[in-house]
Amino acid sequence: MSEVKSNIENPQVAKTQPLGWHLLKYLAAGAFFGIVLVKSEVISWFRIQEMFRLQSFHMYGVISTAVVVGAISILFLKKFKVKTLDGEDIIFQKKTFNKGQIYGGLIFGIGWAITGACPGPLFAQVGAGATVIVVTIMSAIAGTWVYGWLRDKLPH
């Protein structure tokens, strides 16, 4: 059986895992996330346009709920020192604010308003039949590549 070595934090102390079956948990989590996105209608271009036109509270409610659930989840993880599925410690690092986050947020928001898609639901949109979103996926990949290429020259 093929094996893959994985340890993101310290490649010199890599542990060996069987290749393949352990990835099913990530497939299941992704499928569940996609179903939640579809059922909550956050992949709907019309819902996203309603949000940007301030015509509906639906998306703001979903986003607010996600922020609250995320905050509670982080508190839970820290309080009970929960480990990853592979038994590794979860480490939270402090983030510093910089003006590049403002520029990035504006670019992200403009792209979201134009395409009707943010990175989370892209694949769920394709799975729901909106195959034109493949163009948005390719654009997101290109944007990520350009960022990596220009990263040293951007304000951080």
Protein backbone atom coordinates (compact mmCIF):
# COMPACT_ATOMS: atom_id res chain seq x y z
CA MET A 1 0.00 0.00 0.00
CA SER A 2 1.26 3.50 -0.83
CA GLU A 3 2.04 5.80 2.03
CA VAL A 4 2.23 9.56 2.31
CA LYS A 5 4.17 11.53 4.89
CA SER A 6 2.39 14.54 6.31
CA ASN A 7 3.18 17.05 8.99
CA ILE A 8 2.63 20.66 7.98
CA GLU A 9 4.24 22.22 11.04
CA ASN A 10 7.48 20.20 11.07
CA PRO A 11 8.26 18.13 7.97
CA GLN A 12 11.35 16.61 9.63
CA VAL A 13 9.11 14.90 12.21
CA ALA A 14 6.64 13.55 9.67
CA LYS A 15 4.37 10.68 10.52
CA THR A 16 3.35 8.03 8.02
CA GLN A 17 -0.29 7.63 7.00
CA PRO A 18 -1.93 5.30 4.49
CA LEU A 19 -2.81 7.09 1.27
CA GLY A 20 -6.47 7.41 0.40
CA TRP A 21 -9.03 6.21 2.93
CA HIS A 22 -8.20 8.79 5.59
CA LEU A 23 -9.21 11.50 3.10
CA LEU A 24 -12.84 10.32 3.14
CA LYS A 25 -13.50 12.32 6.32
CA TYR A 26 -12.60 15.49 4.42
CA LEU A 27 -14.80 14.48 1.49
CA ALA A 28 -17.69 13.91 3.91
CA ALA A 29 -17.13 17.27 5.61
CA GLY A 30 -16.96 19.04 2.24
CA ALA A 31 -20.13 17.33 1.00
CA PHE A 32 -21.95 18.28 4.23
CA PHE A 33 -20.73 21.89 3.87
CA GLY A 34 -21.93 21.96 0.25
CA ILE A 35 -25.38 20.68 1.24
CA VAL A 36 -25.64 23.33 3.96
CA LEU A 37 -24.67 26.05 1.45
CA VAL A 38 -27.28 24.88 -1.06
CA LYS A 39 -30.09 24.45 1.50
CA SER A 40 -29.42 27.84 3.12
CA GLU A 41 -29.51 29.45 -0.35
CA VAL A 42 -26.17 31.22 0.10
CA ILE A 43 -25.07 29.98 -3.32
CA SER A 44 -27.96 31.86 -4.97
CA TRP A 45 -26.82 34.74 -7.13
CA PHE A 46 -30.15 36.43 -6.42
CA ARG A 47 -29.66 36.17 -2.64
CA ILE A 48 -26.18 37.68 -2.97
CA GLN A 49 -27.50 40.55 -5.12
CA GLU A 50 -30.27 41.18 -2.55
CA MET A 51 -27.57 41.48 0.11
CA PHE A 52 -25.47 43.98 -1.84
CA ARG A 53 -28.58 46.02 -2.72
CA LEU A 54 -29.67 45.98 0.97
CA GLN A 55 -33.00 44.41 -0.06
CA SER A 56 -32.94 41.40 2.26
CA PHE A 57 -31.55 40.40 5.65
CA HIS A 58 -31.15 36.71 4.65
CA MET A 59 -27.42 36.74 3.85
CA TYR A 60 -26.58 39.06 6.74
CA GLY A 61 -28.39 36.64 9.05
CA VAL A 62 -26.47 33.65 7.68
CA ILE A 63 -23.12 35.47 7.94
CA SER A 64 -23.91 36.71 11.48
CA THR A 65 -24.88 33.19 12.54
CA ALA A 66 -21.62 31.84 11.09
CA VAL A 67 -19.58 34.44 13.02
CA VAL A 68 -21.33 33.57 16.31
CA VAL A 69 -20.96 29.81 15.74
CA GLY A 70 -17.29 30.30 14.82
CA ALA A 71 -16.59 32.37 17.94
CA ILE A 72 -18.29 29.82 20.20
CA SER A 73 -16.43 26.99 18.46
CA ILE A 74 -13.06 28.67 19.02
CA LEU A 75 -13.85 29.26 22.70
CA PHE A 76 -14.83 25.57 23.00
CA LEU A 77 -11.63 24.41 21.23
CA LYS A 78 -9.45 26.56 23.48
CA LYS A 79 -11.24 25.71 26.74
CA PHE A 80 -11.21 21.94 26.24
CA LYS A 81 -7.87 21.81 24.37
CA VAL A 82 -9.42 19.82 21.54
CA LYS A 83 -6.97 18.13 19.16
CA THR A 84 -7.22 17.54 15.40
CA LEU A 85 -8.48 14.24 14.03
CA ASP A 86 -4.83 13.25 13.68
CA GLY A 87 -4.19 13.97 17.38
CA GLU A 88 -2.21 17.19 16.86
CA ASP A 89 -2.62 20.31 19.01
CA ILE A 90 -4.66 23.17 17.55
CA ILE A 91 -2.59 26.35 17.73
CA PHE A 92 -4.21 29.79 17.46
CA GLN A 93 -1.82 32.53 16.39
CA LYS A 94 -2.40 36.23 17.00
CA LYS A 95 -3.02 38.25 13.85
CA THR A 96 -1.93 41.84 13.38
CA PHE A 97 -3.99 44.37 11.42
CA ASN A 98 -2.52 46.07 8.37
CA LYS A 99 -3.88 48.34 5.63
CA GLY A 100 -3.47 45.61 3.01
CA GLN A 101 -6.48 43.89 4.59
CA ILE A 102 -8.64 46.90 3.69
CA TYR A 103 -7.51 46.79 0.04
CA GLY A 104 -7.94 43.03 -0.12
CA GLY A 105 -11.39 43.23 1.45
CA LEU A 106 -12.49 45.84 -1.08
CA ILE A 107 -11.20 43.77 -4.00
CA PHE A 108 -12.85 40.66 -2.54
CA GLY A 109 -16.18 42.47 -2.07
CA ILE A 110 -16.15 43.87 -5.60
CA GLY A 111 -15.42 40.42 -7.02
CA TRP A 112 -18.16 38.91 -4.86
CA ALA A 113 -20.70 41.51 -6.05
CA ILE A 114 -19.76 41.08 -9.73
CA THR A 115 -19.65 37.28 -9.83
CA GLY A 116 -22.23 36.49 -7.16
CA ALA A 117 -19.80 34.04 -5.58
CA CYS A 118 -17.26 33.96 -2.78
CA PRO A 119 -14.69 31.15 -2.45
CA GLY A 120 -16.70 28.98 -0.04
CA PRO A 121 -19.66 28.19 -2.28
CA LEU A 122 -17.88 28.09 -5.65
CA PHE A 123 -17.80 24.31 -5.93
CA ALA A 124 -21.32 23.99 -4.48
CA GLN A 125 -22.52 26.32 -7.23
CA VAL A 126 -20.89 24.15 -9.89
CA GLY A 127 -22.40 21.06 -8.24
CA ALA A 128 -25.82 22.73 -8.29
CA GLY A 129 -25.55 23.17 -12.06
CA ALA A 130 -24.13 26.69 -12.42
CA THR A 131 -21.22 25.52 -14.55
CA VAL A 132 -20.37 29.07 -15.65
CA ILE A 133 -18.86 29.45 -12.16
CA VAL A 134 -15.87 27.48 -13.49
CA VAL A 135 -14.77 30.83 -14.96
CA THR A 136 -14.92 32.33 -11.46
CA ILE A 137 -12.91 29.40 -10.05
CA MET A 138 -10.23 29.90 -12.71
CA SER A 139 -10.22 33.65 -11.96
CA ALA A 140 -9.82 32.95 -8.22
CA ILE A 141 -6.88 30.67 -8.95
CA ALA A 142 -5.34 33.32 -11.24
CA GLY A 143 -5.87 35.99 -8.56
CA THR A 144 -4.20 33.80 -5.96
CA TRP A 145 -1.25 33.25 -8.29
CA VAL A 146 -0.94 37.00 -8.98
CA TYR A 147 -1.04 37.71 -5.24
CA GLY A 148 1.73 35.19 -4.64
CA TRP A 149 3.76 36.73 -7.44
CA LEU A 150 3.31 40.32 -6.14
CA ARG A 151 3.20 39.54 -2.42
CA ASP A 152 6.60 41.07 -1.60
CA LYS A 153 5.58 44.36 -3.28
CA LEU A 154 2.17 44.71 -1.59
CA PRO A 155 1.48 46.57 1.69
CA HIS A 156 1.50 44.12 4.59
